[in-house]
Amino acid sequence: RRGHPLLAEEGGLIQAVERERQAM
């Protein structure tokens, strides 16, 4: 029940994970 650090920017957990994967 923690929040992904990019969740607020991306609006969805899947999008946040994929955005971070690309950035990393």
mmCIF file of all heavy atoms, coordinates in Angstrom:
data_MODEL
# 
_entry.id   MODEL 
# 
loop_
_atom_site.group_PDB 
_atom_site.id 
_atom_site.type_symbol 
_atom_site.label_atom_id 
_atom_site.label_alt_id 
_atom_site.label_comp_id 
_atom_site.label_asym_id 
_atom_site.label_entity_id 
_atom_site.label_seq_id 
_atom_site.pdbx_PDB_ins_code 
_atom_site.Cartn_x 
_atom_site.Cartn_y 
_atom_site.Cartn_z 
_atom_site.occupancy 
_atom_site.B_iso_or_equiv 
_atom_site.pdbx_formal_charge 
_atom_site.auth_seq_id 
_atom_site.auth_comp_id 
_atom_site.auth_asym_id 
_atom_site.auth_atom_id 
_atom_site.pdbx_PDB_model_num 
ATOM 1   N N   . ARG A 1 1  ? 0.812  -1.216 0.000   1.00 0.00 ? 1  ARG A N   1 
ATOM 2   C CA  . ARG A 1 1  ? 0.000  0.000  0.000   1.00 0.00 ? 1  ARG A CA  1 
ATOM 3   C C   . ARG A 1 1  ? 0.848  1.269  0.000   1.00 0.00 ? 1  ARG A C   1 
ATOM 4   O O   . ARG A 1 1  ? 0.441  2.303  0.529   1.00 0.00 ? 1  ARG A O   1 
ATOM 5   C CB  . ARG A 1 1  ? -0.974 -0.001 1.190   1.00 0.00 ? 1  ARG A CB  1 
ATOM 6   C CG  . ARG A 1 1  ? -1.968 -1.150 1.138   1.00 0.00 ? 1  ARG A CG  1 
ATOM 7   C CD  . ARG A 1 1  ? -3.011 -1.057 2.230   1.00 0.00 ? 1  ARG A CD  1 
ATOM 8   N NE  . ARG A 1 1  ? -3.975 -2.149 2.129   1.00 0.00 ? 1  ARG A NE  1 
ATOM 9   C CZ  . ARG A 1 1  ? -5.023 -2.303 2.933   1.00 0.00 ? 1  ARG A CZ  1 
ATOM 10  N NH1 . ARG A 1 1  ? -5.232 -1.415 3.898   1.00 0.00 ? 1  ARG A NH1 1 
ATOM 11  N NH2 . ARG A 1 1  ? -5.847 -3.310 2.776   1.00 0.00 ? 1  ARG A NH2 1 
ATOM 12  N N   . ARG A 1 2  ? 2.008  1.171  -0.573  1.00 0.00 ? 2  ARG A N   1 
ATOM 13  C CA  . ARG A 1 2  ? 2.857  2.346  -0.743  1.00 0.00 ? 2  ARG A CA  1 
ATOM 14  C C   . ARG A 1 2  ? 2.599  2.952  -2.112  1.00 0.00 ? 2  ARG A C   1 
ATOM 15  O O   . ARG A 1 2  ? 2.060  2.306  -3.009  1.00 0.00 ? 2  ARG A O   1 
ATOM 16  C CB  . ARG A 1 2  ? 4.329  1.962  -0.605  1.00 0.00 ? 2  ARG A CB  1 
ATOM 17  C CG  . ARG A 1 2  ? 4.723  1.454  0.758   1.00 0.00 ? 2  ARG A CG  1 
ATOM 18  C CD  . ARG A 1 2  ? 6.187  1.056  0.773   1.00 0.00 ? 2  ARG A CD  1 
ATOM 19  N NE  . ARG A 1 2  ? 7.029  2.158  0.364   1.00 0.00 ? 2  ARG A NE  1 
ATOM 20  C CZ  . ARG A 1 2  ? 8.254  2.007  -0.132  1.00 0.00 ? 2  ARG A CZ  1 
ATOM 21  N NH1 . ARG A 1 2  ? 8.747  0.805  -0.313  1.00 0.00 ? 2  ARG A NH1 1 
ATOM 22  N NH2 . ARG A 1 2  ? 8.974  3.061  -0.464  1.00 0.00 ? 2  ARG A NH2 1 
ATOM 23  N N   . GLY A 1 3  ? 3.001  4.213  -2.268  1.00 0.00 ? 3  GLY A N   1 
ATOM 24  C CA  . GLY A 1 3  ? 2.809  4.886  -3.541  1.00 0.00 ? 3  GLY A CA  1 
ATOM 25  C C   . GLY A 1 3  ? 4.081  4.913  -4.367  1.00 0.00 ? 3  GLY A C   1 
ATOM 26  O O   . GLY A 1 3  ? 5.167  5.149  -3.841  1.00 0.00 ? 3  GLY A O   1 
ATOM 27  N N   . HIS A 1 4  ? 3.962  4.663  -5.647  1.00 0.00 ? 4  HIS A N   1 
ATOM 28  C CA  . HIS A 1 4  ? 5.118  4.740  -6.541  1.00 0.00 ? 4  HIS A CA  1 
ATOM 29  C C   . HIS A 1 4  ? 5.547  6.205  -6.645  1.00 0.00 ? 4  HIS A C   1 
ATOM 30  O O   . HIS A 1 4  ? 4.706  7.109  -6.721  1.00 0.00 ? 4  HIS A O   1 
ATOM 31  C CB  . HIS A 1 4  ? 4.745  4.186  -7.923  1.00 0.00 ? 4  HIS A CB  1 
ATOM 32  C CG  . HIS A 1 4  ? 5.905  3.998  -8.831  1.00 0.00 ? 4  HIS A CG  1 
ATOM 33  N ND1 . HIS A 1 4  ? 6.493  5.045  -9.505  1.00 0.00 ? 4  HIS A ND1 1 
ATOM 34  C CD2 . HIS A 1 4  ? 6.586  2.880  -9.181  1.00 0.00 ? 4  HIS A CD2 1 
ATOM 35  C CE1 . HIS A 1 4  ? 7.495  4.577  -10.235 1.00 0.00 ? 4  HIS A CE1 1 
ATOM 36  N NE2 . HIS A 1 4  ? 7.572  3.265  -10.057 1.00 0.00 ? 4  HIS A NE2 1 
ATOM 37  N N   . PRO A 1 5  ? 6.861  6.481  -6.667  1.00 0.00 ? 5  PRO A N   1 
ATOM 38  C CA  . PRO A 1 5  ? 7.317  7.882  -6.682  1.00 0.00 ? 5  PRO A CA  1 
ATOM 39  C C   . PRO A 1 5  ? 6.867  8.671  -7.902  1.00 0.00 ? 5  PRO A C   1 
ATOM 40  O O   . PRO A 1 5  ? 6.841  9.906  -7.855  1.00 0.00 ? 5  PRO A O   1 
ATOM 41  C CB  . PRO A 1 5  ? 8.849  7.765  -6.642  1.00 0.00 ? 5  PRO A CB  1 
ATOM 42  C CG  . PRO A 1 5  ? 9.144  6.358  -7.035  1.00 0.00 ? 5  PRO A CG  1 
ATOM 43  C CD  . PRO A 1 5  ? 7.991  5.549  -6.570  1.00 0.00 ? 5  PRO A CD  1 
ATOM 44  N N   . LEU A 1 6  ? 6.505  8.003  -8.998  1.00 0.00 ? 6  LEU A N   1 
ATOM 45  C CA  . LEU A 1 6  ? 6.063  8.720  -10.196 1.00 0.00 ? 6  LEU A CA  1 
ATOM 46  C C   . LEU A 1 6  ? 4.550  8.635  -10.409 1.00 0.00 ? 6  LEU A C   1 
ATOM 47  O O   . LEU A 1 6  ? 4.053  9.055  -11.454 1.00 0.00 ? 6  LEU A O   1 
ATOM 48  C CB  . LEU A 1 6  ? 6.775  8.151  -11.445 1.00 0.00 ? 6  LEU A CB  1 
ATOM 49  C CG  . LEU A 1 6  ? 8.297  8.251  -11.451 1.00 0.00 ? 6  LEU A CG  1 
ATOM 50  C CD1 . LEU A 1 6  ? 8.857  7.684  -12.754 1.00 0.00 ? 6  LEU A CD1 1 
ATOM 51  C CD2 . LEU A 1 6  ? 8.759  9.677  -11.243 1.00 0.00 ? 6  LEU A CD2 1 
ATOM 52  N N   . LEU A 1 7  ? 3.833  8.118  -9.416  1.00 0.00 ? 7  LEU A N   1 
ATOM 53  C CA  . LEU A 1 7  ? 2.397  7.909  -9.574  1.00 0.00 ? 7  LEU A CA  1 
ATOM 54  C C   . LEU A 1 7  ? 1.653  9.217  -9.809  1.00 0.00 ? 7  LEU A C   1 
ATOM 55  O O   . LEU A 1 7  ? 0.782  9.305  -10.681 1.00 0.00 ? 7  LEU A O   1 
ATOM 56  C CB  . LEU A 1 7  ? 1.844  7.200  -8.338  1.00 0.00 ? 7  LEU A CB  1 
ATOM 57  C CG  . LEU A 1 7  ? 0.351  6.843  -8.380  1.00 0.00 ? 7  LEU A CG  1 
ATOM 58  C CD1 . LEU A 1 7  ? 0.056  5.899  -9.533  1.00 0.00 ? 7  LEU A CD1 1 
ATOM 59  C CD2 . LEU A 1 7  ? -0.077 6.217  -7.054  1.00 0.00 ? 7  LEU A CD2 1 
ATOM 60  N N   . ALA A 1 8  ? 2.001  10.252 -9.062  1.00 0.00 ? 8  ALA A N   1 
ATOM 61  C CA  . ALA A 1 8  ? 1.292  11.527 -9.193  1.00 0.00 ? 8  ALA A CA  1 
ATOM 62  C C   . ALA A 1 8  ? 1.500  12.134 -10.572 1.00 0.00 ? 8  ALA A C   1 
ATOM 63  O O   . ALA A 1 8  ? 0.584  12.749 -11.133 1.00 0.00 ? 8  ALA A O   1 
ATOM 64  C CB  . ALA A 1 8  ? 1.759  12.503 -8.105  1.00 0.00 ? 8  ALA A CB  1 
ATOM 65  N N   . GLU A 1 9  ? 2.684  11.948 -11.148 1.00 0.00 ? 9  GLU A N   1 
ATOM 66  C CA  . GLU A 1 9  ? 2.972  12.520 -12.461 1.00 0.00 ? 9  GLU A CA  1 
ATOM 67  C C   . GLU A 1 9  ? 2.279  11.753 -13.576 1.00 0.00 ? 9  GLU A C   1 
ATOM 68  O O   . GLU A 1 9  ? 1.810  12.351 -14.548 1.00 0.00 ? 9  GLU A O   1 
ATOM 69  C CB  . GLU A 1 9  ? 4.483  12.523 -12.708 1.00 0.00 ? 9  GLU A CB  1 
ATOM 70  C CG  . GLU A 1 9  ? 5.280  13.366 -11.728 1.00 0.00 ? 9  GLU A CG  1 
ATOM 71  C CD  . GLU A 1 9  ? 6.768  13.283 -12.014 1.00 0.00 ? 9  GLU A CD  1 
ATOM 72  O OE1 . GLU A 1 9  ? 7.123  12.992 -13.179 1.00 0.00 ? 9  GLU A OE1 1 
ATOM 73  O OE2 . GLU A 1 9  ? 7.564  13.495 -11.091 1.00 0.00 ? 9  GLU A OE2 1 
ATOM 74  N N   . GLU A 1 10 ? 2.199  10.443 -13.428 1.00 0.00 ? 10 GLU A N   1 
ATOM 75  C CA  . GLU A 1 10 ? 1.687  9.610  -14.516 1.00 0.00 ? 10 GLU A CA  1 
ATOM 76  C C   . GLU A 1 10 ? 0.201  9.295  -14.397 1.00 0.00 ? 10 GLU A C   1 
ATOM 77  O O   . GLU A 1 10 ? -0.442 8.961  -15.386 1.00 0.00 ? 10 GLU A O   1 
ATOM 78  C CB  . GLU A 1 10 ? 2.488  8.298  -14.575 1.00 0.00 ? 10 GLU A CB  1 
ATOM 79  C CG  . GLU A 1 10 ? 3.956  8.497  -14.893 1.00 0.00 ? 10 GLU A CG  1 
ATOM 80  C CD  . GLU A 1 10 ? 4.156  9.160  -16.246 1.00 0.00 ? 10 GLU A CD  1 
ATOM 81  O OE1 . GLU A 1 10 ? 3.457  8.794  -17.208 1.00 0.00 ? 10 GLU A OE1 1 
ATOM 82  O OE2 . GLU A 1 10 ? 5.008  10.069 -16.333 1.00 0.00 ? 10 GLU A OE2 1 
ATOM 83  N N   . GLY A 1 11 ? -0.326 9.361  -13.175 1.00 0.00 ? 11 GLY A N   1 
ATOM 84  C CA  . GLY A 1 11 ? -1.755 9.141  -13.003 1.00 0.00 ? 11 GLY A CA  1 
ATOM 85  C C   . GLY A 1 11 ? -2.173 7.697  -12.896 1.00 0.00 ? 11 GLY A C   1 
ATOM 86  O O   . GLY A 1 11 ? -3.340 7.411  -12.626 1.00 0.00 ? 11 GLY A O   1 
ATOM 87  N N   . GLY A 1 12 ? -1.293 6.762  -13.108 1.00 0.00 ? 12 GLY A N   1 
ATOM 88  C CA  . GLY A 1 12 ? -1.621 5.347  -13.005 1.00 0.00 ? 12 GLY A CA  1 
ATOM 89  C C   . GLY A 1 12 ? -0.371 4.560  -12.680 1.00 0.00 ? 12 GLY A C   1 
ATOM 90  O O   . GLY A 1 12 ? 0.738  4.928  -13.072 1.00 0.00 ? 12 GLY A O   1 
ATOM 91  N N   . LEU A 1 13 ? -0.534 3.438  -11.958 1.00 0.00 ? 13 LEU A N   1 
ATOM 92  C CA  . LEU A 1 13 ? 0.617  2.676  -11.510 1.00 0.00 ? 13 LEU A CA  1 
ATOM 93  C C   . LEU A 1 13 ? 1.354  2.012  -12.668 1.00 0.00 ? 13 LEU A C   1 
ATOM 94  O O   . LEU A 1 13 ? 2.583  2.010  -12.717 1.00 0.00 ? 13 LEU A O   1 
ATOM 95  C CB  . LEU A 1 13 ? 0.180  1.620  -10.478 1.00 0.00 ? 13 LEU A CB  1 
ATOM 96  C CG  . LEU A 1 13 ? 1.293  0.842  -9.776  1.00 0.00 ? 13 LEU A CG  1 
ATOM 97  C CD1 . LEU A 1 13 ? 2.315  1.779  -9.148  1.00 0.00 ? 13 LEU A CD1 1 
ATOM 98  C CD2 . LEU A 1 13 ? 0.691  -0.071 -8.704  1.00 0.00 ? 13 LEU A CD2 1 
ATOM 99  N N   . ILE A 1 14 ? 0.624  1.466  -13.615 1.00 0.00 ? 14 ILE A N   1 
ATOM 100 C CA  . ILE A 1 14 ? 1.264  0.828  -14.768 1.00 0.00 ? 14 ILE A CA  1 
ATOM 101 C C   . ILE A 1 14 ? 2.097  1.844  -15.532 1.00 0.00 ? 14 ILE A C   1 
ATOM 102 O O   . ILE A 1 14 ? 3.255  1.588  -15.895 1.00 0.00 ? 14 ILE A O   1 
ATOM 103 C CB  . ILE A 1 14 ? 0.218  0.180  -15.691 1.00 0.00 ? 14 ILE A CB  1 
ATOM 104 C CG1 . ILE A 1 14 ? -0.484 -0.982 -14.968 1.00 0.00 ? 14 ILE A CG1 1 
ATOM 105 C CG2 . ILE A 1 14 ? 0.868  -0.315 -16.973 1.00 0.00 ? 14 ILE A CG2 1 
ATOM 106 C CD1 . ILE A 1 14 ? -1.573 -1.634 -15.797 1.00 0.00 ? 14 ILE A CD1 1 
ATOM 107 N N   . GLN A 1 15 ? 1.506  3.008  -15.767 1.00 0.00 ? 15 GLN A N   1 
ATOM 108 C CA  . GLN A 1 15 ? 2.220  4.051  -16.508 1.00 0.00 ? 15 GLN A CA  1 
ATOM 109 C C   . GLN A 1 15 ? 3.458  4.516  -15.743 1.00 0.00 ? 15 GLN A C   1 
ATOM 110 O O   . GLN A 1 15 ? 4.511  4.767  -16.339 1.00 0.00 ? 15 GLN A O   1 
ATOM 111 C CB  . GLN A 1 15 ? 1.285  5.239  -16.762 1.00 0.00 ? 15 GLN A CB  1 
ATOM 112 C CG  . GLN A 1 15 ? 0.117  4.932  -17.681 1.00 0.00 ? 15 GLN A CG  1 
ATOM 113 C CD  . GLN A 1 15 ? -1.083 4.366  -16.952 1.00 0.00 ? 15 GLN A CD  1 
ATOM 114 O OE1 . GLN A 1 15 ? -0.977 3.859  -15.843 1.00 0.00 ? 15 GLN A OE1 1 
ATOM 115 N NE2 . GLN A 1 15 ? -2.243 4.477  -17.595 1.00 0.00 ? 15 GLN A NE2 1 
ATOM 116 N N   . ALA A 1 16 ? 3.341  4.604  -14.400 1.00 0.00 ? 16 ALA A N   1 
ATOM 117 C CA  . ALA A 1 16 ? 4.473  5.048  -13.583 1.00 0.00 ? 16 ALA A CA  1 
ATOM 118 C C   . ALA A 1 16 ? 5.620  4.040  -13.657 1.00 0.00 ? 16 ALA A C   1 
ATOM 119 O O   . ALA A 1 16 ? 6.796  4.416  -13.791 1.00 0.00 ? 16 ALA A O   1 
ATOM 120 C CB  . ALA A 1 16 ? 4.038  5.247  -12.135 1.00 0.00 ? 16 ALA A CB  1 
ATOM 121 N N   . VAL A 1 17 ? 5.295  2.760  -13.588 1.00 0.00 ? 17 VAL A N   1 
ATOM 122 C CA  . VAL A 1 17 ? 6.325  1.718  -13.643 1.00 0.00 ? 17 VAL A CA  1 
ATOM 123 C C   . VAL A 1 17 ? 7.019  1.727  -15.001 1.00 0.00 ? 17 VAL A C   1 
ATOM 124 O O   . VAL A 1 17 ? 8.261  1.660  -15.086 1.00 0.00 ? 17 VAL A O   1 
ATOM 125 C CB  . VAL A 1 17 ? 5.727  0.337  -13.348 1.00 0.00 ? 17 VAL A CB  1 
ATOM 126 C CG1 . VAL A 1 17 ? 6.776  -0.766 -13.566 1.00 0.00 ? 17 VAL A CG1 1 
ATOM 127 C CG2 . VAL A 1 17 ? 5.193  0.269  -11.916 1.00 0.00 ? 17 VAL A CG2 1 
ATOM 128 N N   . GLU A 1 18 ? 6.256  1.822  -16.070 1.00 0.00 ? 18 GLU A N   1 
ATOM 129 C CA  . GLU A 1 18 ? 6.847  1.802  -17.404 1.00 0.00 ? 18 GLU A CA  1 
ATOM 130 C C   . GLU A 1 18 ? 7.668  3.062  -17.678 1.00 0.00 ? 18 GLU A C   1 
ATOM 131 O O   . GLU A 1 18 ? 8.711  3.010  -18.325 1.00 0.00 ? 18 GLU A O   1 
ATOM 132 C CB  . GLU A 1 18 ? 5.743  1.648  -18.457 1.00 0.00 ? 18 GLU A CB  1 
ATOM 133 C CG  . GLU A 1 18 ? 5.079  0.276  -18.439 1.00 0.00 ? 18 GLU A CG  1 
ATOM 134 C CD  . GLU A 1 18 ? 6.074  -0.843 -18.616 1.00 0.00 ? 18 GLU A CD  1 
ATOM 135 O OE1 . GLU A 1 18 ? 7.044  -0.681 -19.403 1.00 0.00 ? 18 GLU A OE1 1 
ATOM 136 O OE2 . GLU A 1 18 ? 5.917  -1.892 -17.956 1.00 0.00 ? 18 GLU A OE2 1 
ATOM 137 N N   . ARG A 1 19 ? 7.207  4.198  -17.169 1.00 0.00 ? 19 ARG A N   1 
ATOM 138 C CA  . ARG A 1 19 ? 7.976  5.442  -17.324 1.00 0.00 ? 19 ARG A CA  1 
ATOM 139 C C   . ARG A 1 19 ? 9.323  5.328  -16.622 1.00 0.00 ? 19 ARG A C   1 
ATOM 140 O O   . ARG A 1 19 ? 10.370 5.714  -17.157 1.00 0.00 ? 19 ARG A O   1 
ATOM 141 C CB  . ARG A 1 19 ? 7.165  6.609  -16.742 1.00 0.00 ? 19 ARG A CB  1 
ATOM 142 C CG  . ARG A 1 19 ? 7.978  7.822  -16.326 1.00 0.00 ? 19 ARG A CG  1 
ATOM 143 C CD  . ARG A 1 19 ? 8.223  8.817  -17.434 1.00 0.00 ? 19 ARG A CD  1 
ATOM 144 N NE  . ARG A 1 19 ? 9.047  9.919  -16.949 1.00 0.00 ? 19 ARG A NE  1 
ATOM 145 C CZ  . ARG A 1 19 ? 8.587  10.932 -16.205 1.00 0.00 ? 19 ARG A CZ  1 
ATOM 146 N NH1 . ARG A 1 19 ? 7.308  10.991 -15.867 1.00 0.00 ? 19 ARG A NH1 1 
ATOM 147 N NH2 . ARG A 1 19 ? 9.405  11.892 -15.824 1.00 0.00 ? 19 ARG A NH2 1 
ATOM 148 N N   . GLU A 1 20 ? 9.309  4.779  -15.409 1.00 0.00 ? 20 GLU A N   1 
ATOM 149 C CA  . GLU A 1 20 ? 10.562 4.623  -14.682 1.00 0.00 ? 20 GLU A CA  1 
ATOM 150 C C   . GLU A 1 20 ? 11.470 3.616  -15.376 1.00 0.00 ? 20 GLU A C   1 
ATOM 151 O O   . GLU A 1 20 ? 12.687 3.811  -15.445 1.00 0.00 ? 20 GLU A O   1 
ATOM 152 C CB  . GLU A 1 20 ? 10.294 4.174  -13.244 1.00 0.00 ? 20 GLU A CB  1 
ATOM 153 C CG  . GLU A 1 20 ? 11.577 4.098  -12.409 1.00 0.00 ? 20 GLU A CG  1 
ATOM 154 C CD  . GLU A 1 20 ? 11.331 3.615  -10.995 1.00 0.00 ? 20 GLU A CD  1 
ATOM 155 O OE1 . GLU A 1 20 ? 10.399 2.802  -10.795 1.00 0.00 ? 20 GLU A OE1 1 
ATOM 156 O OE2 . GLU A 1 20 ? 12.079 4.030  -10.096 1.00 0.00 ? 20 GLU A OE2 1 
ATOM 157 N N   . ARG A 1 21 ? 10.900 2.548  -15.905 1.00 0.00 ? 21 ARG A N   1 
ATOM 158 C CA  . ARG A 1 21 ? 11.708 1.546  -16.591 1.00 0.00 ? 21 ARG A CA  1 
ATOM 159 C C   . ARG A 1 21 ? 12.454 2.175  -17.771 1.00 0.00 ? 21 ARG A C   1 
ATOM 160 O O   . ARG A 1 21 ? 13.638 1.905  -17.996 1.00 0.00 ? 21 ARG A O   1 
ATOM 161 C CB  . ARG A 1 21 ? 10.821 0.393  -17.060 1.00 0.00 ? 21 ARG A CB  1 
ATOM 162 C CG  . ARG A 1 21 ? 11.618 -0.829 -17.550 1.00 0.00 ? 21 ARG A CG  1 
ATOM 163 C CD  . ARG A 1 21 ? 10.681 -1.895 -18.105 1.00 0.00 ? 21 ARG A CD  1 
ATOM 164 N NE  . ARG A 1 21 ? 9.702  -2.331 -17.121 1.00 0.00 ? 21 ARG A NE  1 
ATOM 165 C CZ  . ARG A 1 21 ? 9.958  -3.241 -16.185 1.00 0.00 ? 21 ARG A CZ  1 
ATOM 166 N NH1 . ARG A 1 21 ? 11.157 -3.784 -16.098 1.00 0.00 ? 21 ARG A NH1 1 
ATOM 167 N NH2 . ARG A 1 21 ? 9.011  -3.608 -15.330 1.00 0.00 ? 21 ARG A NH2 1 
ATOM 168 N N   . GLN A 1 22 ? 11.766 3.008  -18.520 1.00 0.00 ? 22 GLN A N   1 
ATOM 169 C CA  . GLN A 1 22 ? 12.401 3.680  -19.654 1.00 0.00 ? 22 GLN A CA  1 
ATOM 170 C C   . GLN A 1 22 ? 13.489 4.648  -19.188 1.00 0.00 ? 22 GLN A C   1 
ATOM 171 O O   . GLN A 1 22 ? 14.587 4.697  -19.759 1.00 0.00 ? 22 GLN A O   1 
ATOM 172 C CB  . GLN A 1 22 ? 11.343 4.432  -20.469 1.00 0.00 ? 22 GLN A CB  1 
ATOM 173 C CG  . GLN A 1 22 ? 10.330 3.526  -21.151 1.00 0.00 ? 22 GLN A CG  1 
ATOM 174 C CD  . GLN A 1 22 ? 9.186  4.305  -21.773 1.00 0.00 ? 22 GLN A CD  1 
ATOM 175 O OE1 . GLN A 1 22 ? 9.214  5.539  -21.822 1.00 0.00 ? 22 GLN A OE1 1 
ATOM 176 N NE2 . GLN A 1 22 ? 8.166  3.599  -22.238 1.00 0.00 ? 22 GLN A NE2 1 
ATOM 177 N N   . ALA A 1 23 ? 13.179 5.402  -18.126 1.00 0.00 ? 23 ALA A N   1 
ATOM 178 C CA  . ALA A 1 23 ? 14.139 6.389  -17.632 1.00 0.00 ? 23 ALA A CA  1 
ATOM 179 C C   . ALA A 1 23 ? 15.384 5.724  -17.061 1.00 0.00 ? 23 ALA A C   1 
ATOM 180 O O   . ALA A 1 23 ? 16.493 6.271  -17.144 1.00 0.00 ? 23 ALA A O   1 
ATOM 181 C CB  . ALA A 1 23 ? 13.480 7.274  -16.574 1.00 0.00 ? 23 ALA A CB  1 
ATOM 182 N N   . MET A 1 24 ? 15.205 4.524  -16.487 1.00 0.00 ? 24 MET A N   1 
ATOM 183 C CA  . MET A 1 24 ? 16.321 3.852  -15.827 1.00 0.00 ? 24 MET A CA  1 
ATOM 184 C C   . MET A 1 24 ? 17.137 2.971  -16.759 1.00 0.00 ? 24 MET A C   1 
ATOM 185 O O   . MET A 1 24 ? 18.148 2.404  -16.336 1.00 0.00 ? 24 MET A O   1 
ATOM 186 C CB  . MET A 1 24 ? 15.781 2.995  -14.675 1.00 0.00 ? 24 MET A CB  1 
ATOM 187 C CG  . MET A 1 24 ? 15.195 3.794  -13.529 1.00 0.00 ? 24 MET A CG  1 
ATOM 188 S SD  . MET A 1 24 ? 16.459 4.768  -12.680 1.00 0.00 ? 24 MET A SD  1 
ATOM 189 C CE  . MET A 1 24 ? 17.447 3.475  -11.964 1.00 0.00 ? 24 MET A CE  1 
# 
